Amino acid sequence: MACRRPGFGLMLAGLIVTLVGFAVALTAAFGIPRHWTTVGVGVALLVTGAVRAAFRDRRSDAGAS
């Protein structure tokens, strides 16, 4: 599979690590039980994936005509 955007995978990994760090910081700051951190990060990643898939589908349709 050819990579069309060099460095995108590294940026995505950085985004994931940042998201996890942000969730841990919020958990500590607000005293949220630790198991909710995993749920929050999972939901955020699912939403991000759904948004990316929706935008990818739109770009595919735009080029088809």
C-alpha atoms as a PDB file:
ATOM      1  CA  MET A   1       0.000   0.000   0.000  1.00  0.00           C
ATOM      2  CA  ALA A   2       1.599   3.251  -1.119  1.00  0.00           C
ATOM      3  CA  CYS A   3       1.577   6.198   1.242  1.00  0.00           C
ATOM      4  CA  ARG A   4       0.176   9.264  -0.473  1.00  0.00           C
ATOM      5  CA  ARG A   5       0.943  11.645   2.381  1.00  0.00           C
ATOM      6  CA  PRO A   6       4.397  11.177   3.911  1.00  0.00           C
ATOM      7  CA  GLY A   7       4.471  11.723   7.667  1.00  0.00           C
ATOM      8  CA  PHE A   8       0.714  11.342   8.123  1.00  0.00           C
ATOM      9  CA  GLY A   9       1.066   8.116  10.108  1.00  0.00           C
ATOM     10  CA  LEU A  10       3.530   9.763  12.470  1.00  0.00           C
ATOM     11  CA  MET A  11       1.201  12.731  12.953  1.00  0.00           C
ATOM     12  CA  LEU A  12      -1.699  10.378  13.652  1.00  0.00           C
ATOM     13  CA  ALA A  13       0.377   8.515  16.251  1.00  0.00           C
ATOM     14  CA  GLY A  14       1.259  11.847  17.873  1.00  0.00           C
ATOM     15  CA  LEU A  15      -2.419  12.792  17.955  1.00  0.00           C
ATOM     16  CA  ILE A  16      -3.307   9.510  19.669  1.00  0.00           C
ATOM     17  CA  VAL A  17      -0.569   9.900  22.287  1.00  0.00           C
ATOM     18  CA  THR A  18      -1.657  13.502  22.904  1.00  0.00           C
ATOM     19  CA  LEU A  19      -5.272  12.408  23.291  1.00  0.00           C
ATOM     20  CA  VAL A  20      -4.311   9.758  25.833  1.00  0.00           C
ATOM     21  CA  GLY A  21      -2.145  12.242  27.767  1.00  0.00           C
ATOM     22  CA  PHE A  22      -4.960  14.792  27.771  1.00  0.00           C
ATOM     23  CA  ALA A  23      -7.395  12.164  29.071  1.00  0.00           C
ATOM     24  CA  VAL A  24      -5.006  11.152  31.867  1.00  0.00           C
ATOM     25  CA  ALA A  25      -4.530  14.805  32.848  1.00  0.00           C
ATOM     26  CA  LEU A  26      -8.302  15.399  32.969  1.00  0.00           C
ATOM     27  CA  THR A  27      -8.747  12.239  35.015  1.00  0.00           C
ATOM     28  CA  ALA A  28      -6.241  13.467  37.588  1.00  0.00           C
ATOM     29  CA  ALA A  29      -7.534  17.048  37.627  1.00  0.00           C
ATOM     30  CA  PHE A  30     -11.211  16.200  38.084  1.00  0.00           C
ATOM     31  CA  GLY A  31     -10.860  12.984  40.096  1.00  0.00           C
ATOM     32  CA  ILE A  32     -12.574  10.866  37.441  1.00  0.00           C
ATOM     33  CA  PRO A  33     -12.295   7.087  38.021  1.00  0.00           C
ATOM     34  CA  ARG A  34      -9.488   5.639  35.919  1.00  0.00           C
ATOM     35  CA  HIS A  35     -11.657   3.191  33.949  1.00  0.00           C
ATOM     36  CA  TRP A  36     -13.583   6.104  32.402  1.00  0.00           C
ATOM     37  CA  THR A  37     -10.355   7.317  30.791  1.00  0.00           C
ATOM     38  CA  THR A  38     -10.277   4.220  28.599  1.00  0.00           C
ATOM     39  CA  VAL A  39     -13.928   4.666  27.658  1.00  0.00           C
ATOM     40  CA  GLY A  40     -13.421   8.344  26.795  1.00  0.00           C
ATOM     41  CA  VAL A  41     -10.348   7.725  24.661  1.00  0.00           C
ATOM     42  CA  GLY A  42     -12.082   4.850  22.861  1.00  0.00           C
ATOM     43  CA  VAL A  43     -15.147   6.961  22.068  1.00  0.00           C
ATOM     44  CA  ALA A  44     -12.975   9.848  20.855  1.00  0.00           C
ATOM     45  CA  LEU A  45     -11.029   7.525  18.541  1.00  0.00           C
ATOM     46  CA  LEU A  46     -14.251   5.985  17.180  1.00  0.00           C
ATOM     47  CA  VAL A  47     -15.700   9.436  16.449  1.00  0.00           C
ATOM     48  CA  THR A  48     -12.455  10.561  14.803  1.00  0.00           C
ATOM     49  CA  GLY A  49     -12.424   7.436  12.635  1.00  0.00           C
ATOM     50  CA  ALA A  50     -16.056   7.927  11.623  1.00  0.00           C
ATOM     51  CA  VAL A  51     -15.421  11.561  10.661  1.00  0.00           C
ATOM     52  CA  ARG A  52     -12.346  10.612   8.623  1.00  0.00           C
ATOM     53  CA  ALA A  53     -14.285   7.853   6.850  1.00  0.00           C
ATOM     54  CA  ALA A  54     -17.121  10.252   6.051  1.00  0.00           C
ATOM     55  CA  PHE A  55     -14.718  12.803   4.567  1.00  0.00           C
ATOM     56  CA  ARG A  56     -12.903  10.093   2.608  1.00  0.00           C
ATOM     57  CA  ASP A  57     -16.228   8.956   1.078  1.00  0.00           C
ATOM     58  CA  ARG A  58     -17.070  12.527   0.032  1.00  0.00           C
ATOM     59  CA  ARG A  59     -13.694  12.981  -1.656  1.00  0.00           C
ATOM     60  CA  SER A  60     -14.148   9.710  -3.555  1.00  0.00           C
ATOM     61  CA  ASP A  61     -17.587  10.779  -4.816  1.00  0.00           C
ATOM     62  CA  ALA A  62     -16.350  14.222  -5.886  1.00  0.00           C
ATOM     63  CA  GLY A  63     -13.733  12.770  -8.203  1.00  0.00           C
ATOM     64  CA  ALA A  64     -16.031  10.181  -9.811  1.00  0.00           C
ATOM     65  CA  SER A  65     -17.995  12.568 -12.036  1.00  0.00           C
END
